[in-house]
C-alpha atoms as a PDB file:
ATOM      1  CA  MET A   1      -6.760  -1.115  27.398  1.00  0.00           C
ATOM      2  CA  GLU A   2      -8.693  -4.271  26.513  1.00  0.00           C
ATOM      3  CA  PHE A   3      -6.960  -7.648  26.952  1.00  0.00           C
ATOM      4  CA  ASP A   4      -6.305  -8.059  23.202  1.00  0.00           C
ATOM      5  CA  GLU A   5      -4.809  -4.567  23.048  1.00  0.00           C
ATOM      6  CA  LEU A   6      -2.495  -5.269  25.991  1.00  0.00           C
ATOM      7  CA  ILE A   7      -1.243  -8.443  24.288  1.00  0.00           C
ATOM      8  CA  LYS A   8      -0.678  -6.575  21.011  1.00  0.00           C
ATOM      9  CA  ARG A   9       1.251  -3.877  22.863  1.00  0.00           C
ATOM     10  CA  LEU A  10       3.385  -6.458  24.688  1.00  0.00           C
ATOM     11  CA  ASN A  11       4.054  -8.202  21.367  1.00  0.00           C
ATOM     12  CA  ALA A  12       5.199  -4.890  19.851  1.00  0.00           C
ATOM     13  CA  VAL A  13       7.519  -4.271  22.819  1.00  0.00           C
ATOM     14  CA  ALA A  14       9.023  -7.757  22.365  1.00  0.00           C
ATOM     15  CA  ASP A  15       9.481  -7.117  18.616  1.00  0.00           C
ATOM     16  CA  ALA A  16      11.224  -3.822  19.366  1.00  0.00           C
ATOM     17  CA  GLY A  17      13.473  -5.604  21.869  1.00  0.00           C
ATOM     18  CA  LEU A  18      14.413  -8.219  19.275  1.00  0.00           C
ATOM     19  CA  PHE A  19      15.110  -5.487  16.721  1.00  0.00           C
ATOM     20  CA  TYR A  20      17.298  -3.322  18.960  1.00  0.00           C
ATOM     21  CA  GLY A  21      18.535  -5.840  21.552  1.00  0.00           C
ATOM     22  CA  LYS A  22      22.222  -6.727  21.706  1.00  0.00           C
ATOM     23  CA  ASP A  23      22.450  -8.775  24.913  1.00  0.00           C
ATOM     24  CA  VAL A  24      22.054 -12.485  24.151  1.00  0.00           C
ATOM     25  CA  PHE A  25      20.149 -13.141  27.390  1.00  0.00           C
ATOM     26  CA  ASP A  26      17.689 -10.297  26.739  1.00  0.00           C
ATOM     27  CA  ILE A  27      17.083 -11.629  23.236  1.00  0.00           C
ATOM     28  CA  GLU A  28      16.308 -15.067  24.690  1.00  0.00           C
ATOM     29  CA  ARG A  29      13.784 -13.471  27.061  1.00  0.00           C
ATOM     30  CA  TYR A  30      12.100 -11.556  24.224  1.00  0.00           C
ATOM     31  CA  HIS A  31      11.795 -14.813  22.267  1.00  0.00           C
ATOM     32  CA  GLU A  32      10.282 -16.453  25.349  1.00  0.00           C
ATOM     33  CA  ILE A  33       7.725 -13.635  25.650  1.00  0.00           C
ATOM     34  CA  LYS A  34       6.856 -14.107  21.963  1.00  0.00           C
ATOM     35  CA  ALA A  35       6.319 -17.831  22.616  1.00  0.00           C
ATOM     36  CA  ILE A  36       4.072 -17.242  25.644  1.00  0.00           C
ATOM     37  CA  LEU A  37       1.795 -14.585  24.117  1.00  0.00           C
ATOM     38  CA  PRO A  38      -0.117 -16.876  21.692  1.00  0.00           C
ATOM     39  CA  GLN A  39      -0.907 -19.210  24.601  1.00  0.00           C
ATOM     40  CA  LEU A  40      -2.354 -16.308  26.600  1.00  0.00           C
ATOM     41  CA  LEU A  41      -4.602 -15.366  23.689  1.00  0.00           C
ATOM     42  CA  LYS A  42      -5.606 -18.914  22.799  1.00  0.00           C
ATOM     43  CA  HIS A  43      -8.718 -19.087  24.980  1.00  0.00           C
ATOM     44  CA  SER A  44      -9.616 -15.426  25.474  1.00  0.00           C
ATOM     45  CA  THR A  45      -9.542 -13.382  22.300  1.00  0.00           C
ATOM     46  CA  THR A  46     -11.883 -11.848  19.739  1.00  0.00           C
ATOM     47  CA  LEU A  47      -9.215 -12.134  17.030  1.00  0.00           C
ATOM     48  CA  THR A  48      -9.637 -14.656  14.219  1.00  0.00           C
ATOM     49  CA  LYS A  49      -7.111 -17.418  13.538  1.00  0.00           C
ATOM     50  CA  GLU A  50      -5.802 -15.469  10.537  1.00  0.00           C
ATOM     51  CA  GLU A  51      -5.415 -12.292  12.612  1.00  0.00           C
ATOM     52  CA  LEU A  52      -3.513 -14.194  15.305  1.00  0.00           C
ATOM     53  CA  THR A  53      -1.175 -15.650  12.673  1.00  0.00           C
ATOM     54  CA  ASP A  54      -0.607 -12.165  11.269  1.00  0.00           C
ATOM     55  CA  LEU A  55      -0.032 -10.680  14.716  1.00  0.00           C
ATOM     56  CA  PHE A  56       2.689 -13.154  15.683  1.00  0.00           C
ATOM     57  CA  ARG A  57       4.406 -13.366  12.296  1.00  0.00           C
ATOM     58  CA  PRO A  58       8.169 -12.725  12.707  1.00  0.00           C
ATOM     59  CA  ASN A  59       8.990  -9.043  12.287  1.00  0.00           C
ATOM     60  CA  ASN A  60      12.490  -8.033  11.192  1.00  0.00           C
ATOM     61  CA  SER A  61      11.957  -4.311  11.641  1.00  0.00           C
ATOM     62  CA  TYR A  62      10.747  -1.951  14.337  1.00  0.00           C
ATOM     63  CA  PRO A  63       6.991  -2.594  14.827  1.00  0.00           C
ATOM     64  CA  THR A  64       4.801   0.280  13.626  1.00  0.00           C
ATOM     65  CA  PRO A  65       1.133   0.581  12.554  1.00  0.00           C
ATOM     66  CA  MET A  66       0.299  -0.308   8.953  1.00  0.00           C
ATOM     67  CA  ILE A  67      -0.874   2.426   6.563  1.00  0.00           C
ATOM     68  CA  ASP A  68      -4.132   2.128   4.605  1.00  0.00           C
ATOM     69  CA  VAL A  69      -5.448   4.712   2.107  1.00  0.00           C
ATOM     70  CA  ARG A  70      -9.112   4.923   1.051  1.00  0.00           C
ATOM     71  CA  ALA A  71     -11.205   7.110  -1.261  1.00  0.00           C
ATOM     72  CA  PHE A  72     -14.540   8.638  -0.283  1.00  0.00           C
ATOM     73  CA  ILE A  73     -16.427   9.505  -3.479  1.00  0.00           C
ATOM     74  CA  GLN A  74     -20.050  10.641  -3.727  1.00  0.00           C
ATOM     75  CA  ASN A  75     -22.211  11.262  -6.786  1.00  0.00           C
ATOM     76  CA  GLU A  76     -24.834  14.006  -7.160  1.00  0.00           C
ATOM     77  CA  GLU A  77     -27.388  11.837  -5.308  1.00  0.00           C
ATOM     78  CA  LYS A  78     -24.926  11.605  -2.365  1.00  0.00           C
ATOM     79  CA  GLU A  79     -24.462   7.874  -2.910  1.00  0.00           C
ATOM     80  CA  ILE A  80     -21.020   6.544  -1.976  1.00  0.00           C
ATOM     81  CA  LEU A  81     -18.750   4.616  -4.337  1.00  0.00           C
ATOM     82  CA  PHE A  82     -17.915   1.100  -3.126  1.00  0.00           C
ATOM     83  CA  VAL A  83     -16.051  -1.874  -4.571  1.00  0.00           C
ATOM     84  CA  ARG A  84     -17.040  -5.492  -3.919  1.00  0.00           C
ATOM     85  CA  ASP A  85     -14.278  -7.812  -2.728  1.00  0.00           C
ATOM     86  CA  LYS A  86     -13.940 -10.715  -5.145  1.00  0.00           C
ATOM     87  CA  ILE A  87     -13.236 -13.320  -2.447  1.00  0.00           C
ATOM     88  CA  GLN A  88     -15.295 -12.167   0.558  1.00  0.00           C
ATOM     89  CA  GLY A  89     -18.150 -10.627  -1.436  1.00  0.00           C
ATOM     90  CA  ASP A  90     -18.420  -7.619   0.877  1.00  0.00           C
ATOM     91  CA  TRP A  91     -18.296  -3.905   0.063  1.00  0.00           C
ATOM     92  CA  ALA A  92     -15.536  -1.428   0.902  1.00  0.00           C
ATOM     93  CA  LEU A  93     -14.309   2.025   0.017  1.00  0.00           C
ATOM     94  CA  PRO A  94     -11.730   1.760  -2.806  1.00  0.00           C
ATOM     95  CA  GLY A  95      -8.130   1.706  -1.603  1.00  0.00           C
ATOM     96  CA  GLY A  96      -5.540  -0.465   0.060  1.00  0.00           C
ATOM     97  CA  TYR A  97      -2.174  -0.695   1.783  1.00  0.00           C
ATOM     98  CA  GLY A  98       0.355   2.103   1.494  1.00  0.00           C
ATOM     99  CA  GLU A  99       3.083   0.876  -0.864  1.00  0.00           C
ATOM    100  CA  ILE A 100       6.797   1.647  -0.845  1.00  0.00           C
ATOM    101  CA  GLY A 101       7.828   4.100  -3.575  1.00  0.00           C
ATOM    102  CA  PHE A 102       4.499   5.949  -3.761  1.00  0.00           C
ATOM    103  CA  THR A 103       3.257   9.052  -1.976  1.00  0.00           C
ATOM    104  CA  PRO A 104      -0.129   8.646  -0.223  1.00  0.00           C
ATOM    105  CA  SER A 105      -1.923  10.479  -3.052  1.00  0.00           C
ATOM    106  CA  GLU A 106      -0.135   8.513  -5.791  1.00  0.00           C
ATOM    107  CA  ASN A 107      -0.923   5.295  -3.948  1.00  0.00           C
ATOM    108  CA  LEU A 108      -4.619   6.106  -3.665  1.00  0.00           C
ATOM    109  CA  LEU A 109      -5.027   7.186  -7.300  1.00  0.00           C
ATOM    110  CA  LYS A 110      -3.319   3.947  -8.382  1.00  0.00           C
ATOM    111  CA  GLU A 111      -5.643   1.860  -6.179  1.00  0.00           C
ATOM    112  CA  LEU A 112      -8.683   3.756  -7.473  1.00  0.00           C
ATOM    113  CA  LYS A 113      -7.754   2.933 -11.055  1.00  0.00           C
ATOM    114  CA  GLU A 114      -6.864  -0.708 -10.375  1.00  0.00           C
ATOM    115  CA  GLU A 115      -9.778  -1.585  -8.067  1.00  0.00           C
ATOM    116  CA  ALA A 116     -12.606   0.609  -9.320  1.00  0.00           C
ATOM    117  CA  GLY A 117     -11.585   1.687 -12.821  1.00  0.00           C
ATOM    118  CA  VAL A 118     -11.785   5.292 -11.633  1.00  0.00           C
ATOM    119  CA  SER A 119      -9.656   8.096 -12.995  1.00  0.00           C
ATOM    120  CA  GLY A 120      -9.865  10.331  -9.972  1.00  0.00           C
ATOM    121  CA  GLU A 121      -8.798  13.562  -8.386  1.00  0.00           C
ATOM    122  CA  ILE A 122      -8.027  14.034  -4.691  1.00  0.00           C
ATOM    123  CA  GLU A 123      -9.738  17.040  -3.122  1.00  0.00           C
ATOM    124  CA  ARG A 124      -8.638  16.840   0.517  1.00  0.00           C
ATOM    125  CA  LEU A 125      -7.924  14.620   3.509  1.00  0.00           C
ATOM    126  CA  LEU A 126     -11.136  13.853   5.401  1.00  0.00           C
ATOM    127  CA  ALA A 127      -9.950  11.661   8.257  1.00  0.00           C
ATOM    128  CA  ILE A 128      -7.241   9.517   9.805  1.00  0.00           C
ATOM    129  CA  PHE A 129      -8.734   6.587  11.720  1.00  0.00           C
ATOM    130  CA  ASP A 130      -6.894   4.300  14.148  1.00  0.00           C
ATOM    131  CA  THR A 131      -8.310   0.764  13.894  1.00  0.00           C
ATOM    132  CA  ASP A 132      -7.440   0.086  17.537  1.00  0.00           C
ATOM    133  CA  LYS A 133     -10.083   2.682  18.405  1.00  0.00           C
ATOM    134  CA  TRP A 134     -12.733   1.737  15.823  1.00  0.00           C
ATOM    135  CA  GLN A 135     -12.333  -1.897  14.727  1.00  0.00           C
ATOM    136  CA  PRO A 136      -9.540  -3.736  16.600  1.00  0.00           C
ATOM    137  CA  GLN A 137      -7.886  -6.528  14.625  1.00  0.00           C
ATOM    138  CA  GLY A 138      -4.611  -8.450  14.431  1.00  0.00           C
ATOM    139  CA  LYS A 139      -2.556  -5.476  13.245  1.00  0.00           C
ATOM    140  CA  GLN A 140      -3.020  -1.812  14.041  1.00  0.00           C
ATOM    141  CA  TYR A 141      -3.766   0.357  10.991  1.00  0.00           C
ATOM    142  CA  TYR A 142      -3.818   4.100  10.415  1.00  0.00           C
ATOM    143  CA  LYS A 143      -6.500   4.640   7.778  1.00  0.00           C
ATOM    144  CA  PHE A 144      -6.161   7.788   5.677  1.00  0.00           C
ATOM    145  CA  ILE A 145      -9.504   8.648   4.054  1.00  0.00           C
ATOM    146  CA  PHE A 146      -9.432  11.191   1.221  1.00  0.00           C
ATOM    147  CA  LYS A 147     -12.364  12.976  -0.365  1.00  0.00           C
ATOM    148  CA  CYS A 148     -12.026  12.357  -4.094  1.00  0.00           C
ATOM    149  CA  LYS A 149     -13.834  13.173  -7.312  1.00  0.00           C
ATOM    150  CA  ALA A 150     -14.381  10.606 -10.055  1.00  0.00           C
ATOM    151  CA  LEU A 151     -13.440  12.120 -13.415  1.00  0.00           C
ATOM    152  CA  SER A 152     -14.380   8.931 -15.272  1.00  0.00           C
ATOM    153  CA  ILE A 153     -15.242   5.311 -14.448  1.00  0.00           C
ATOM    154  CA  ASP A 154     -14.299   2.398 -16.683  1.00  0.00           C
ATOM    155  CA  PHE A 155     -14.542  -0.663 -14.446  1.00  0.00           C
ATOM    156  CA  LEU A 156     -13.190  -4.062 -15.442  1.00  0.00           C
ATOM    157  CA  GLU A 157     -13.440  -7.082 -13.150  1.00  0.00           C
ATOM    158  CA  ASN A 158     -10.002  -7.817 -11.726  1.00  0.00           C
ATOM    159  CA  SER A 159      -8.170 -10.054  -9.251  1.00  0.00           C
ATOM    160  CA  GLU A 160      -9.364  -8.008  -6.242  1.00  0.00           C
ATOM    161  CA  THR A 161     -12.823  -6.663  -7.054  1.00  0.00           C
ATOM    162  CA  SER A 162     -15.850  -8.029  -8.892  1.00  0.00           C
ATOM    163  CA  GLU A 163     -18.000  -4.896  -8.995  1.00  0.00           C
ATOM    164  CA  THR A 164     -18.074  -1.159  -8.315  1.00  0.00           C
ATOM    165  CA  LYS A 165     -21.252   0.684  -7.427  1.00  0.00           C
ATOM    166  CA  PHE A 166     -22.658   3.890  -5.926  1.00  0.00           C
ATOM    167  CA  ILE A 167     -24.788   2.962  -2.888  1.00  0.00           C
ATOM    168  CA  LYS A 168     -26.632   4.990  -0.257  1.00  0.00           C
ATOM    169  CA  ARG A 169     -25.275   4.300   3.212  1.00  0.00           C
ATOM    170  CA  SER A 170     -28.794   3.532   4.481  1.00  0.00           C
ATOM    171  CA  GLU A 171     -29.193   0.852   1.789  1.00  0.00           C
ATOM    172  CA  LEU A 172     -25.771  -0.739   2.195  1.00  0.00           C
ATOM    173  CA  THR A 173     -25.580  -4.393   3.255  1.00  0.00           C
ATOM    174  CA  ASN A 174     -22.561  -6.644   3.753  1.00  0.00           C
ATOM    175  CA  LEU A 175     -20.075  -3.885   4.568  1.00  0.00           C
ATOM    176  CA  SER A 176     -16.454  -4.901   5.183  1.00  0.00           C
ATOM    177  CA  VAL A 177     -16.263  -3.471   8.711  1.00  0.00           C
ATOM    178  CA  LYS A 178     -12.593  -4.433   9.054  1.00  0.00           C
ATOM    179  CA  ARG A 179     -11.950  -1.750   6.445  1.00  0.00           C
ATOM    180  CA  THR A 180     -14.611   0.848   7.298  1.00  0.00           C
ATOM    181  CA  THR A 181     -17.474   0.845   9.815  1.00  0.00           C
ATOM    182  CA  MET A 182     -20.958   2.323   9.445  1.00  0.00           C
ATOM    183  CA  SER A 183     -20.097   4.883  12.131  1.00  0.00           C
ATOM    184  CA  GLN A 184     -17.053   5.951  10.141  1.00  0.00           C
ATOM    185  CA  LEU A 185     -19.123   6.280   6.955  1.00  0.00           C
ATOM    186  CA  SER A 186     -21.645   8.452   8.792  1.00  0.00           C
ATOM    187  CA  LEU A 187     -18.830  10.661  10.083  1.00  0.00           C
ATOM    188  CA  LEU A 188     -17.247  10.875   6.618  1.00  0.00           C
ATOM    189  CA  GLU A 189     -20.536  12.079   5.138  1.00  0.00           C
ATOM    190  CA  LYS A 190     -20.679  14.868   7.728  1.00  0.00           C
ATOM    191  CA  LEU A 191     -17.036  15.825   7.214  1.00  0.00           C
ATOM    192  CA  SER A 192     -17.510  15.930   3.451  1.00  0.00           C
ATOM    193  CA  LYS A 193     -20.469  18.270   3.866  1.00  0.00           C
ATOM    194  CA  THR A 194     -19.017  20.592   6.523  1.00  0.00           C
ATOM    195  CA  GLY A 195     -15.461  20.889   5.247  1.00  0.00           C
ATOM    196  CA  LYS A 196     -14.077  19.695   8.582  1.00  0.00           C
ATOM    197  CA  GLN A 197     -11.464  17.036   9.267  1.00  0.00           C
ATOM    198  CA  TYR A 198     -11.180  14.236  11.840  1.00  0.00           C
ATOM    199  CA  ILE A 199      -7.931  12.768  13.175  1.00  0.00           C
ATOM    200  CA  ASP A 200      -7.696  10.164  15.951  1.00  0.00           C
END
């Protein structure tokens, strides 16, 4: 494990101890560990300030990876559908966090409509990526990527995205690599073509 990953794991262990712990002295020790960890990371981390804040935010439940659902849609020219983030200006596959009260497929179809104006249909699960393996960041995410078909597109600029567009991977610039990397896109293209599936 890399140094950042060891700190994240230790932070998760401390969170679990605070969630399940009953002994007052153990709870004090877990709080002390939580106080020491940011100091360890202060001068030797690749995480941004925002990611560090997110990592050490108080957690009142058992720590688990976050869930992210994304759509992989290609047109007849094999271009991939992307949405442009309104704040950052970078491109990403349509999708977002898993939300309480929705199944993964319901969640993704809702995100597709809201972000990209796409009325879509899910064909199959292409991949499940673990960000700790591909693009380490403050939180660990399991990214569920589904192959989808766009039945219709009626995009309207919204609070999250300013544009939606089909782009060839080789011509893509300013990719949001926290969401999806070029290597992942290349793998997704192969999986879409071969009918295979990838799971970390």
